[in-house]
Amino acid sequence: MKKRGKLTKAERLELAILRNKGYGVRAIARVMDRHHTTISREIARNSERVSGIYDPHKAQHKAYVKKKYARFEWKKINQHKDLKAFIIACLKKHWNPDEIAGYMKTQNTPFYASKTAIYEWLYSTHGLPYCHYLYTRRYTKKRRVEKTVRSMISNRIPIQQRSRGANNRTRYGHLEVDTIVSGKNGSGALLVCIDRKSRYLTIDKLASLKPEETQQKLGTLIAQRCIRSCTFDNGIENRHHEQLRIPTFFCDPYSSWQKGSIEHANKMIRRYIPKGTDISRVAPSFIEHIIDIINKKPRRILGFKSAYDVMMEKQLLKGSGAIGG
């Protein structure tokens, strides 16, 4: 099913007709070629509160009003001192707006602002002084730029052949792997691994990008935890992937988006280790501090649990942990 936009007026009229005929939510979704959660959410949000009747004309008007005034929602942050103070405190802990909004909702705080409202507030003149707390340190949205790394690696298996458990994130132990390099005048690199299902992050220092060292560090991690597969880009440091003795897969050239979890993790790490940093001078204790912050953040994709909480609940950290520097 293709991703589609908001419900139109014609679709709301069709929904009302099908509902009056006694169709269930899933049956309506099949007829309208929409996801059943879209239909159930529309009925729950826009039905009359007392009678429970779904009026398509009133529903359309509600959607129009909500869209019209959505851009002004950020103003309530300035008007609510406790809400503003809470958001600023979370930003200083390097939580992103999505995580802040999700935490407020799950913890039933006496105030609330959506992630969109928080972003809008940040990009307004009132919130700009706090934008530097974001991992991106950006004051406006920026178009996505993909990395362009490629190299010749023997016996590489394309990502299209990766197992279903890795692709749909139903099994733990499938890693995405990448490296973060030093600036021109520095040396060393970071080996970054993230579990696709739990989003649990590990980081290790590398003296260089030699394939032998990368293979050795990954071998240590595989020995500590139940790792089922690794997904790499086409960097030369991954040349010895066959020596890991587990399934390994490679993204297509110029397609870093195919391992989006590790790309997002790298963005968070860059908040603490900016581009141009001489990684050889970064203390292992500081790397452990970064790991601790990121792994203990509430994540929307995990129901606003942290990656650390998920790994502990599933007892996947016995005798293991982040790779040492």
C-alpha atoms as a PDB file:
ATOM      1  CA  MET A   1       0.000   0.000   0.000  1.00  0.00           C
ATOM      2  CA  LYS A   2       1.454   3.338  -1.053  1.00  0.00           C
ATOM      3  CA  LYS A   3       1.926   6.093   1.493  1.00  0.00           C
ATOM      4  CA  ARG A   4      -0.794   8.695   1.019  1.00  0.00           C
ATOM      5  CA  GLY A   5      -1.595  12.130   2.392  1.00  0.00           C
ATOM      6  CA  LYS A   6      -4.423  13.368   4.565  1.00  0.00           C
ATOM      7  CA  LEU A   7      -8.011  12.250   3.979  1.00  0.00           C
ATOM      8  CA  THR A   8      -9.857  14.386   1.451  1.00  0.00           C
ATOM      9  CA  LYS A   9     -13.436  15.638   1.656  1.00  0.00           C
ATOM     10  CA  ALA A  10     -14.551  13.016  -0.874  1.00  0.00           C
ATOM     11  CA  GLU A  11     -12.934  10.253   1.192  1.00  0.00           C
ATOM     12  CA  ARG A  12     -14.663  11.444   4.351  1.00  0.00           C
ATOM     13  CA  LEU A  13     -18.014  11.328   2.541  1.00  0.00           C
ATOM     14  CA  GLU A  14     -17.224   7.791   1.337  1.00  0.00           C
ATOM     15  CA  LEU A  15     -16.193   6.774   4.859  1.00  0.00           C
ATOM     16  CA  ALA A  16     -19.511   8.018   6.277  1.00  0.00           C
ATOM     17  CA  ILE A  17     -21.526   6.122   3.642  1.00  0.00           C
ATOM     18  CA  LEU A  18     -19.665   2.856   4.286  1.00  0.00           C
ATOM     19  CA  ARG A  19     -19.949   3.300   8.054  1.00  0.00           C
ATOM     20  CA  ASN A  20     -23.723   3.866   7.792  1.00  0.00           C
ATOM     21  CA  LYS A  21     -23.978   0.638   5.770  1.00  0.00           C
ATOM     22  CA  GLY A  22     -22.443  -1.260   8.687  1.00  0.00           C
ATOM     23  CA  TYR A  23     -18.925  -1.754   7.325  1.00  0.00           C
ATOM     24  CA  GLY A  24     -16.224  -2.322   9.947  1.00  0.00           C
ATOM     25  CA  VAL A  25     -13.002  -0.306  10.131  1.00  0.00           C
ATOM     26  CA  ARG A  26     -10.849  -2.851   8.291  1.00  0.00           C
ATOM     27  CA  ALA A  27     -13.487  -3.372   5.594  1.00  0.00           C
ATOM     28  CA  ILE A  28     -13.708   0.399   5.046  1.00  0.00           C
ATOM     29  CA  ALA A  29      -9.896   0.576   4.856  1.00  0.00           C
ATOM     30  CA  ARG A  30      -9.801  -2.135   2.174  1.00  0.00           C
ATOM     31  CA  VAL A  31     -12.473  -0.424   0.084  1.00  0.00           C
ATOM     32  CA  MET A  32     -10.778   2.988   0.364  1.00  0.00           C
ATOM     33  CA  ASP A  33      -7.255   1.575  -0.051  1.00  0.00           C
ATOM     34  CA  ARG A  34      -6.208   3.137   3.230  1.00  0.00           C
ATOM     35  CA  HIS A  35      -4.501   1.724   6.311  1.00  0.00           C
ATOM     36  CA  HIS A  36      -6.993   0.650   8.967  1.00  0.00           C
ATOM     37  CA  THR A  37      -5.296   2.852  11.599  1.00  0.00           C
ATOM     38  CA  THR A  38      -5.966   5.903   9.408  1.00  0.00           C
ATOM     39  CA  ILE A  39      -9.662   5.076   9.354  1.00  0.00           C
ATOM     40  CA  SER A  40      -9.933   4.267  13.074  1.00  0.00           C
ATOM     41  CA  ARG A  41      -8.043   7.443  13.996  1.00  0.00           C
ATOM     42  CA  GLU A  42     -10.283   9.573  11.773  1.00  0.00           C
ATOM     43  CA  ILE A  43     -13.440   8.127  13.355  1.00  0.00           C
ATOM     44  CA  ALA A  44     -12.100   8.515  16.902  1.00  0.00           C
ATOM     45  CA  ARG A  45     -10.956  12.099  16.392  1.00  0.00           C
ATOM     46  CA  ASN A  46     -13.814  13.531  14.410  1.00  0.00           C
ATOM     47  CA  SER A  47     -16.978  11.738  15.557  1.00  0.00           C
ATOM     48  CA  GLU A  48     -19.402  13.731  17.698  1.00  0.00           C
ATOM     49  CA  ARG A  49     -18.525  13.274  21.357  1.00  0.00           C
ATOM     50  CA  VAL A  50     -22.043  12.750  22.718  1.00  0.00           C
ATOM     51  CA  SER A  51     -23.785  10.758  20.000  1.00  0.00           C
ATOM     52  CA  GLY A  52     -20.696   9.122  18.480  1.00  0.00           C
ATOM     53  CA  ILE A  53     -22.059   9.894  14.983  1.00  0.00           C
ATOM     54  CA  TYR A  54     -19.477  10.502  12.275  1.00  0.00           C
ATOM     55  CA  ASP A  55     -20.521  13.547  10.238  1.00  0.00           C
ATOM     56  CA  PRO A  56     -18.183  13.965   7.213  1.00  0.00           C
ATOM     57  CA  HIS A  57     -18.940  17.690   6.874  1.00  0.00           C
ATOM     58  CA  LYS A  58     -18.109  18.421  10.502  1.00  0.00           C
ATOM     59  CA  ALA A  59     -15.050  16.180  10.263  1.00  0.00           C
ATOM     60  CA  GLN A  60     -13.813  18.122   7.247  1.00  0.00           C
ATOM     61  CA  HIS A  61     -14.307  21.404   9.085  1.00  0.00           C
ATOM     62  CA  LYS A  62     -12.404  20.112  12.132  1.00  0.00           C
ATOM     63  CA  ALA A  63      -9.500  19.059   9.917  1.00  0.00           C
ATOM     64  CA  TYR A  64      -9.487  22.471   8.224  1.00  0.00           C
ATOM     65  CA  VAL A  65      -9.443  24.349  11.543  1.00  0.00           C
ATOM     66  CA  LYS A  66      -6.729  22.121  12.973  1.00  0.00           C
ATOM     67  CA  LYS A  67      -4.530  22.645   9.918  1.00  0.00           C
ATOM     68  CA  LYS A  68      -5.169  26.397   9.904  1.00  0.00           C
ATOM     69  CA  TYR A  69      -4.151  26.941  13.507  1.00  0.00           C
ATOM     70  CA  ALA A  70      -1.445  24.264  13.767  1.00  0.00           C
ATOM     71  CA  ARG A  71       1.273  26.751  12.841  1.00  0.00           C
ATOM     72  CA  PHE A  72       0.443  28.853  15.904  1.00  0.00           C
ATOM     73  CA  GLU A  73       0.670  25.981  18.419  1.00  0.00           C
ATOM     74  CA  TRP A  74       4.288  26.829  19.242  1.00  0.00           C
ATOM     75  CA  LYS A  75       3.188  30.109  20.855  1.00  0.00           C
ATOM     76  CA  LYS A  76       1.762  28.293  23.875  1.00  0.00           C
ATOM     77  CA  ILE A  77       5.313  27.254  24.810  1.00  0.00           C
ATOM     78  CA  ASN A  78       6.225  30.896  25.424  1.00  0.00           C
ATOM     79  CA  GLN A  79       2.999  31.464  27.334  1.00  0.00           C
ATOM     80  CA  HIS A  80       3.458  28.445  29.641  1.00  0.00           C
ATOM     81  CA  LYS A  81       6.512  28.968  31.875  1.00  0.00           C
ATOM     82  CA  ASP A  82       6.662  25.405  33.250  1.00  0.00           C
ATOM     83  CA  LEU A  83       6.328  23.868  29.781  1.00  0.00           C
ATOM     84  CA  LYS A  84       9.031  26.139  28.401  1.00  0.00           C
ATOM     85  CA  ALA A  85      11.384  25.371  31.307  1.00  0.00           C
ATOM     86  CA  PHE A  86      10.819  21.628  30.881  1.00  0.00           C
ATOM     87  CA  ILE A  87      11.545  21.731  27.142  1.00  0.00           C
ATOM     88  CA  ILE A  88      14.728  23.762  27.670  1.00  0.00           C
ATOM     89  CA  ALA A  89      15.907  21.342  30.374  1.00  0.00           C
ATOM     90  CA  CYS A  90      15.364  18.376  28.041  1.00  0.00           C
ATOM     91  CA  LEU A  91      17.114  20.133  25.162  1.00  0.00           C
ATOM     92  CA  LYS A  92      20.127  20.667  27.410  1.00  0.00           C
ATOM     93  CA  LYS A  93      20.198  16.889  27.931  1.00  0.00           C
ATOM     94  CA  HIS A  94      20.265  16.638  24.103  1.00  0.00           C
ATOM     95  CA  TRP A  95      16.802  15.101  23.751  1.00  0.00           C
ATOM     96  CA  ASN A  96      15.263  15.927  20.384  1.00  0.00           C
ATOM     97  CA  PRO A  97      11.734  17.426  20.120  1.00  0.00           C
ATOM     98  CA  ASP A  98      10.186  14.070  19.192  1.00  0.00           C
ATOM     99  CA  GLU A  99      11.621  12.465  22.317  1.00  0.00           C
ATOM    100  CA  ILE A 100      10.544  15.394  24.513  1.00  0.00           C
ATOM    101  CA  ALA A 101       6.956  15.275  23.208  1.00  0.00           C
ATOM    102  CA  GLY A 102       6.795  11.501  23.535  1.00  0.00           C
ATOM    103  CA  TYR A 103       8.114  11.575  27.097  1.00  0.00           C
ATOM    104  CA  MET A 104       5.528  14.179  28.117  1.00  0.00           C
ATOM    105  CA  LYS A 105       2.736  12.072  26.644  1.00  0.00           C
ATOM    106  CA  THR A 106       3.829   8.754  28.189  1.00  0.00           C
ATOM    107  CA  GLN A 107       4.527  10.310  31.611  1.00  0.00           C
ATOM    108  CA  ASN A 108       1.222  12.254  31.655  1.00  0.00           C
ATOM    109  CA  THR A 109       2.851  15.554  32.526  1.00  0.00           C
ATOM    110  CA  PRO A 110       0.479  18.440  33.349  1.00  0.00           C
ATOM    111  CA  PHE A 111       1.553  20.179  30.136  1.00  0.00           C
ATOM    112  CA  TYR A 112       2.211  19.047  26.585  1.00  0.00           C
ATOM    113  CA  ALA A 113       3.530  20.274  23.239  1.00  0.00           C
ATOM    114  CA  SER A 114       3.863  18.236  20.074  1.00  0.00           C
ATOM    115  CA  LYS A 115       7.216  17.722  18.379  1.00  0.00           C
ATOM    116  CA  THR A 116       6.055  19.993  15.538  1.00  0.00           C
ATOM    117  CA  ALA A 117       5.200  22.760  17.998  1.00  0.00           C
ATOM    118  CA  ILE A 118       8.611  22.404  19.655  1.00  0.00           C
ATOM    119  CA  TYR A 119      10.422  22.589  16.310  1.00  0.00           C
ATOM    120  CA  GLU A 120       8.368  25.620  15.291  1.00  0.00           C
ATOM    121  CA  TRP A 121       9.197  27.288  18.595  1.00  0.00           C
ATOM    122  CA  LEU A 122      12.900  26.507  18.131  1.00  0.00           C
ATOM    123  CA  TYR A 123      12.889  28.020  14.647  1.00  0.00           C
ATOM    124  CA  SER A 124      11.109  31.165  15.909  1.00  0.00           C
ATOM    125  CA  THR A 125      12.983  34.136  17.356  1.00  0.00           C
ATOM    126  CA  HIS A 126      12.048  32.924  20.864  1.00  0.00           C
ATOM    127  CA  GLY A 127      13.584  29.471  20.470  1.00  0.00           C
ATOM    128  CA  LEU A 128      16.638  30.177  18.305  1.00  0.00           C
ATOM    129  CA  PRO A 129      18.997  30.567  21.319  1.00  0.00           C
ATOM    130  CA  TYR A 130      18.345  26.883  22.146  1.00  0.00           C
ATOM    131  CA  CYS A 131      18.862  25.384  18.680  1.00  0.00           C
ATOM    132  CA  HIS A 132      22.508  24.704  19.441  1.00  0.00           C
ATOM    133  CA  TYR A 133      21.399  21.982  21.846  1.00  0.00           C
ATOM    134  CA  LEU A 134      20.048  19.920  18.912  1.00  0.00           C
ATOM    135  CA  TYR A 135      22.347  17.232  17.571  1.00  0.00           C
ATOM    136  CA  THR A 136      22.374  18.960  14.193  1.00  0.00           C
ATOM    137  CA  ARG A 137      22.896  22.423  15.728  1.00  0.00           C
ATOM    138  CA  ARG A 138      20.802  23.741  12.852  1.00  0.00           C
ATOM    139  CA  TYR A 139      18.525  26.722  12.992  1.00  0.00           C
ATOM    140  CA  THR A 140      16.487  25.665   9.943  1.00  0.00           C
ATOM    141  CA  LYS A 141      15.799  22.401   8.170  1.00  0.00           C
ATOM    142  CA  LYS A 142      18.469  21.212   5.776  1.00  0.00           C
ATOM    143  CA  ARG A 143      18.113  19.031   2.717  1.00  0.00           C
ATOM    144  CA  ARG A 144      19.456  15.520   3.123  1.00  0.00           C
ATOM    145  CA  VAL A 145      22.900  14.936   1.638  1.00  0.00           C
ATOM    146  CA  GLU A 146      23.989  11.358   1.038  1.00  0.00           C
ATOM    147  CA  LYS A 147      27.531  10.083   1.495  1.00  0.00           C
ATOM    148  CA  THR A 148      29.335   8.934  -1.637  1.00  0.00           C
ATOM    149  CA  VAL A 149      31.725   6.188  -0.562  1.00  0.00           C
ATOM    150  CA  ARG A 150      32.550   3.174  -2.692  1.00  0.00           C
ATOM    151  CA  SER A 151      35.292   0.590  -2.988  1.00  0.00           C
ATOM    152  CA  MET A 152      35.868  -2.860  -4.420  1.00  0.00           C
ATOM    153  CA  ILE A 153      35.165  -5.651  -1.920  1.00  0.00           C
ATOM    154  CA  SER A 154      35.257  -9.308  -2.876  1.00  0.00           C
ATOM    155  CA  ASN A 155      32.276 -11.617  -2.375  1.00  0.00           C
ATOM    156  CA  ARG A 156      30.031  -8.835  -1.149  1.00  0.00           C
ATOM    157  CA  ILE A 157      26.367  -9.818  -0.752  1.00  0.00           C
ATOM    158  CA  PRO A 158      23.863  -7.059  -1.645  1.00  0.00           C
ATOM    159  CA  ILE A 159      21.508  -5.764   1.016  1.00  0.00           C
ATOM    160  CA  GLN A 160      18.546  -7.022  -1.025  1.00  0.00           C
ATOM    161  CA  GLN A 161      19.443 -10.570   0.118  1.00  0.00           C
ATOM    162  CA  ARG A 162      19.373  -9.723   3.807  1.00  0.00           C
ATOM    163  CA  SER A 163      17.090 -11.921   5.922  1.00  0.00           C
ATOM    164  CA  ARG A 164      13.515 -10.993   6.757  1.00  0.00           C
ATOM    165  CA  GLY A 165      14.288 -10.786  10.475  1.00  0.00           C
ATOM    166  CA  ALA A 166      16.879  -8.096   9.766  1.00  0.00           C
ATOM    167  CA  ASN A 167      14.792  -6.173   7.237  1.00  0.00           C
ATOM    168  CA  ASN A 168      11.613  -5.947   9.283  1.00  0.00           C
ATOM    169  CA  ARG A 169      13.464  -5.562  12.612  1.00  0.00           C
ATOM    170  CA  THR A 170      11.724  -8.510  14.271  1.00  0.00           C
ATOM    171  CA  ARG A 171      14.926 -10.100  15.634  1.00  0.00           C
ATOM    172  CA  TYR A 172      17.708  -8.730  17.782  1.00  0.00           C
ATOM    173  CA  GLY A 173      21.350  -9.085  16.779  1.00  0.00           C
ATOM    174  CA  HIS A 174      21.300  -7.611  13.269  1.00  0.00           C
ATOM    175  CA  LEU A 175      23.795  -4.749  13.229  1.00  0.00           C
ATOM    176  CA  GLU A 176      24.443  -1.769  11.004  1.00  0.00           C
ATOM    177  CA  VAL A 177      28.121  -0.799  11.013  1.00  0.00           C
ATOM    178  CA  ASP A 178      29.892   2.410  10.007  1.00  0.00           C
ATOM    179  CA  THR A 179      32.983   4.475  10.801  1.00  0.00           C
ATOM    180  CA  ILE A 180      33.517   8.113  11.767  1.00  0.00           C
ATOM    181  CA  VAL A 181      36.893   9.492  10.717  1.00  0.00           C
ATOM    182  CA  SER A 182      39.119  12.280  12.041  1.00  0.00           C
ATOM    183  CA  GLY A 183      39.695  15.615  10.376  1.00  0.00           C
ATOM    184  CA  LYS A 184      42.506  16.232   7.869  1.00  0.00           C
ATOM    185  CA  ASN A 185      45.065  16.996  10.567  1.00  0.00           C
ATOM    186  CA  GLY A 186      44.039  14.156  12.882  1.00  0.00           C
ATOM    187  CA  SER A 187      44.257  10.395  13.022  1.00  0.00           C
ATOM    188  CA  GLY A 188      42.150   7.519  14.214  1.00  0.00           C
ATOM    189  CA  ALA A 189      38.479   6.731  13.719  1.00  0.00           C
ATOM    190  CA  LEU A 190      35.420   5.422  15.516  1.00  0.00           C
ATOM    191  CA  LEU A 191      33.791   2.091  14.748  1.00  0.00           C
ATOM    192  CA  VAL A 192      30.042   2.542  15.315  1.00  0.00           C
ATOM    193  CA  CYS A 193      27.567  -0.343  15.538  1.00  0.00           C
ATOM    194  CA  ILE A 194      23.834  -0.215  16.186  1.00  0.00           C
ATOM    195  CA  ASP A 195      21.334  -3.020  16.643  1.00  0.00           C
ATOM    196  CA  ARG A 196      18.511  -2.542  14.116  1.00  0.00           C
ATOM    197  CA  LYS A 197      15.755  -3.685  16.496  1.00  0.00           C
ATOM    198  CA  SER A 198      16.825  -2.316  19.909  1.00  0.00           C
ATOM    199  CA  ARG A 199      18.802   0.712  18.579  1.00  0.00           C
ATOM    200  CA  TYR A 200      21.490  -0.150  21.133  1.00  0.00           C
ATOM    201  CA  LEU A 201      24.726   1.638  20.228  1.00  0.00           C
ATOM    202  CA  THR A 202      28.353   0.593  20.672  1.00  0.00           C
ATOM    203  CA  ILE A 203      31.417   2.672  19.787  1.00  0.00           C
ATOM    204  CA  ASP A 204      35.077   1.692  19.630  1.00  0.00           C
ATOM    205  CA  LYS A 205      38.198   3.682  18.828  1.00  0.00           C
ATOM    206  CA  LEU A 206      40.322   2.625  15.852  1.00  0.00           C
ATOM    207  CA  ALA A 207      43.926   3.653  15.350  1.00  0.00           C
ATOM    208  CA  SER A 208      43.331   3.547  11.584  1.00  0.00           C
ATOM    209  CA  LEU A 209      40.891   2.280   8.967  1.00  0.00           C
ATOM    210  CA  LYS A 210      42.933  -0.812   8.202  1.00  0.00           C
ATOM    211  CA  PRO A 211      40.625  -3.773   7.492  1.00  0.00           C
ATOM    212  CA  GLU A 212      42.517  -5.967   9.972  1.00  0.00           C
ATOM    213  CA  GLU A 213      41.746  -3.698  12.932  1.00  0.00           C
ATOM    214  CA  THR A 214      38.095  -3.273  11.988  1.00  0.00           C
ATOM    215  CA  GLN A 215      37.691  -7.038  11.665  1.00  0.00           C
ATOM    216  CA  GLN A 216      39.382  -7.592  15.045  1.00  0.00           C
ATOM    217  CA  LYS A 217      37.142  -5.113  16.883  1.00  0.00           C
ATOM    218  CA  LEU A 218      33.986  -6.518  15.314  1.00  0.00           C
ATOM    219  CA  GLY A 219      35.147 -10.029  16.176  1.00  0.00           C
ATOM    220  CA  THR A 220      35.371  -8.997  19.833  1.00  0.00           C
ATOM    221  CA  LEU A 221      31.808  -7.670  19.782  1.00  0.00           C
ATOM    222  CA  ILE A 222      30.510 -10.812  18.074  1.00  0.00           C
ATOM    223  CA  ALA A 223      32.167 -12.929  20.763  1.00  0.00           C
ATOM    224  CA  GLN A 224      30.477 -10.886  23.514  1.00  0.00           C
ATOM    225  CA  ARG A 225      26.943 -10.816  22.132  1.00  0.00           C
ATOM    226  CA  CYS A 226      24.631 -12.858  19.945  1.00  0.00           C
ATOM    227  CA  ILE A 227      25.181 -11.121  16.608  1.00  0.00           C
ATOM    228  CA  ARG A 228      23.315 -12.564  13.632  1.00  0.00           C
ATOM    229  CA  SER A 229      24.467 -10.300  10.777  1.00  0.00           C
ATOM    230  CA  CYS A 230      26.229  -7.037   9.902  1.00  0.00           C
ATOM    231  CA  THR A 231      25.310  -4.509   7.240  1.00  0.00           C
ATOM    232  CA  PHE A 232      28.133  -2.332   5.866  1.00  0.00           C
ATOM    233  CA  ASP A 233      28.741   0.399   3.345  1.00  0.00           C
ATOM    234  CA  ASN A 234      31.440  -0.039   0.704  1.00  0.00           C
ATOM    235  CA  GLY A 235      34.394   1.349   2.688  1.00  0.00           C
ATOM    236  CA  ILE A 236      37.719  -0.419   2.239  1.00  0.00           C
ATOM    237  CA  GLU A 237      37.873  -1.053   6.011  1.00  0.00           C
ATOM    238  CA  ASN A 238      35.193  -3.735   5.509  1.00  0.00           C
ATOM    239  CA  ARG A 239      37.306  -5.827   3.135  1.00  0.00           C
ATOM    240  CA  HIS A 240      37.774  -8.689   5.624  1.00  0.00           C
ATOM    241  CA  HIS A 241      34.057  -9.160   6.264  1.00  0.00           C
ATOM    242  CA  GLU A 242      34.208 -12.881   5.473  1.00  0.00           C
ATOM    243  CA  GLN A 243      36.494 -13.489   8.456  1.00  0.00           C
ATOM    244  CA  LEU A 244      33.687 -12.510  10.837  1.00  0.00           C
ATOM    245  CA  ARG A 245      32.023 -15.874  10.091  1.00  0.00           C
ATOM    246  CA  ILE A 246      28.503 -14.422  10.188  1.00  0.00           C
ATOM    247  CA  PRO A 247      26.269 -13.217   7.320  1.00  0.00           C
ATOM    248  CA  THR A 248      27.382  -9.819   6.015  1.00  0.00           C
ATOM    249  CA  PHE A 249      25.553  -7.522   3.615  1.00  0.00           C
ATOM    250  CA  PHE A 250      26.481  -4.357   1.720  1.00  0.00           C
ATOM    251  CA  CYS A 251      24.511  -1.287   0.710  1.00  0.00           C
ATOM    252  CA  ASP A 252      24.332  -0.228  -2.911  1.00  0.00           C
ATOM    253  CA  PRO A 253      26.890   2.431  -3.935  1.00  0.00           C
ATOM    254  CA  TYR A 254      25.812   5.985  -3.049  1.00  0.00           C
ATOM    255  CA  SER A 255      22.925   4.614  -0.939  1.00  0.00           C
ATOM    256  CA  SER A 256      23.713   5.394   2.678  1.00  0.00           C
ATOM    257  CA  TRP A 257      19.960   5.753   3.310  1.00  0.00           C
ATOM    258  CA  GLN A 258      19.767   1.943   3.181  1.00  0.00           C
ATOM    259  CA  LYS A 259      21.331   1.873   6.656  1.00  0.00           C
ATOM    260  CA  GLY A 260      19.429   4.778   8.128  1.00  0.00           C
ATOM    261  CA  SER A 261      19.755   3.702  11.776  1.00  0.00           C
ATOM    262  CA  ILE A 262      23.536   4.056  11.798  1.00  0.00           C
ATOM    263  CA  GLU A 263      23.394   7.303   9.823  1.00  0.00           C
ATOM    264  CA  HIS A 264      21.088   8.740  12.494  1.00  0.00           C
ATOM    265  CA  ALA A 265      23.409   7.452  15.226  1.00  0.00           C
ATOM    266  CA  ASN A 266      26.385   9.132  13.538  1.00  0.00           C
ATOM    267  CA  LYS A 267      24.481  12.418  13.538  1.00  0.00           C
ATOM    268  CA  MET A 268      23.940  12.135  17.285  1.00  0.00           C
ATOM    269  CA  ILE A 269      27.605  11.272  17.896  1.00  0.00           C
ATOM    270  CA  ARG A 270      28.693  14.291  15.845  1.00  0.00           C
ATOM    271  CA  ARG A 271      26.946  16.451  18.432  1.00  0.00           C
ATOM    272  CA  TYR A 272      29.756  15.536  20.822  1.00  0.00           C
ATOM    273  CA  ILE A 273      32.580  14.843  18.349  1.00  0.00           C
ATOM    274  CA  PRO A 274      32.206  17.443  15.563  1.00  0.00           C
ATOM    275  CA  LYS A 275      33.678  17.037  12.109  1.00  0.00           C
ATOM    276  CA  GLY A 276      37.363  17.924  12.064  1.00  0.00           C
ATOM    277  CA  THR A 277      38.028  16.468  15.535  1.00  0.00           C
ATOM    278  CA  ASP A 278      41.268  14.525  16.031  1.00  0.00           C
ATOM    279  CA  ILE A 279      39.707  11.291  17.281  1.00  0.00           C
ATOM    280  CA  SER A 280      43.047   9.958  18.522  1.00  0.00           C
ATOM    281  CA  ARG A 281      42.857  12.623  21.246  1.00  0.00           C
ATOM    282  CA  VAL A 282      39.322  11.705  22.373  1.00  0.00           C
ATOM    283  CA  ALA A 283      39.414   9.973  25.762  1.00  0.00           C
ATOM    284  CA  PRO A 284      37.770   6.528  26.081  1.00  0.00           C
ATOM    285  CA  SER A 285      35.878   7.829  29.128  1.00  0.00           C
ATOM    286  CA  PHE A 286      34.300  10.547  26.973  1.00  0.00           C
ATOM    287  CA  ILE A 287      33.245   7.944  24.409  1.00  0.00           C
ATOM    288  CA  GLU A 288      31.629   5.919  27.209  1.00  0.00           C
ATOM    289  CA  HIS A 289      29.806   9.098  28.276  1.00  0.00           C
ATOM    290  CA  ILE A 290      28.428   9.545  24.738  1.00  0.00           C
ATOM    291  CA  ILE A 291      27.291   5.914  24.635  1.00  0.00           C
ATOM    292  CA  ASP A 292      25.537   6.320  27.977  1.00  0.00           C
ATOM    293  CA  ILE A 293      23.672   9.474  26.911  1.00  0.00           C
ATOM    294  CA  ILE A 294      22.457   8.035  23.602  1.00  0.00           C
ATOM    295  CA  ASN A 295      21.549   4.563  24.874  1.00  0.00           C
ATOM    296  CA  LYS A 296      19.526   6.009  27.761  1.00  0.00           C
ATOM    297  CA  LYS A 297      17.499   8.509  25.713  1.00  0.00           C
ATOM    298  CA  PRO A 298      13.758   7.794  25.363  1.00  0.00           C
ATOM    299  CA  ARG A 299      13.202   6.755  21.734  1.00  0.00           C
ATOM    300  CA  ARG A 300       9.886   7.104  19.918  1.00  0.00           C
ATOM    301  CA  ILE A 301      10.542   3.973  17.860  1.00  0.00           C
ATOM    302  CA  LEU A 302      10.844   2.019  21.150  1.00  0.00           C
ATOM    303  CA  GLY A 303       7.647   3.391  22.664  1.00  0.00           C
ATOM    304  CA  PHE A 304       9.745   6.038  24.408  1.00  0.00           C
ATOM    305  CA  LYS A 305      11.809   3.463  26.231  1.00  0.00           C
ATOM    306  CA  SER A 306      15.576   3.718  25.971  1.00  0.00           C
ATOM    307  CA  ALA A 307      17.744   1.265  24.025  1.00  0.00           C
ATOM    308  CA  TYR A 308      19.411   0.330  27.304  1.00  0.00           C
ATOM    309  CA  ASP A 309      16.026  -0.479  28.891  1.00  0.00           C
ATOM    310  CA  VAL A 310      15.101  -2.724  25.958  1.00  0.00           C
ATOM    311  CA  MET A 311      18.390  -4.625  26.087  1.00  0.00           C
ATOM    312  CA  MET A 312      18.085  -5.124  29.857  1.00  0.00           C
ATOM    313  CA  GLU A 313      14.464  -6.291  29.577  1.00  0.00           C
ATOM    314  CA  LYS A 314      15.478  -8.883  26.980  1.00  0.00           C
ATOM    315  CA  GLN A 315      18.608  -9.836  28.981  1.00  0.00           C
ATOM    316  CA  LEU A 316      20.835  -9.153  25.979  1.00  0.00           C
ATOM    317  CA  LEU A 317      23.621  -7.385  27.879  1.00  0.00           C
ATOM    318  CA  LYS A 318      24.838 -10.252  30.056  1.00  0.00           C
ATOM    319  CA  GLY A 319      28.588 -10.235  30.068  1.00  0.00           C
ATOM    320  CA  SER A 320      28.688  -7.515  27.452  1.00  0.00           C
ATOM    321  CA  GLY A 321      28.315  -3.812  27.044  1.00  0.00           C
ATOM    322  CA  ALA A 322      29.805  -1.065  24.927  1.00  0.00           C
ATOM    323  CA  ILE A 323      33.103  -1.875  23.318  1.00  0.00           C
ATOM    324  CA  GLY A 324      35.984  -0.400  25.217  1.00  0.00           C
ATOM    325  CA  GLY A 325      38.238   2.232  23.680  1.00  0.00           C
END
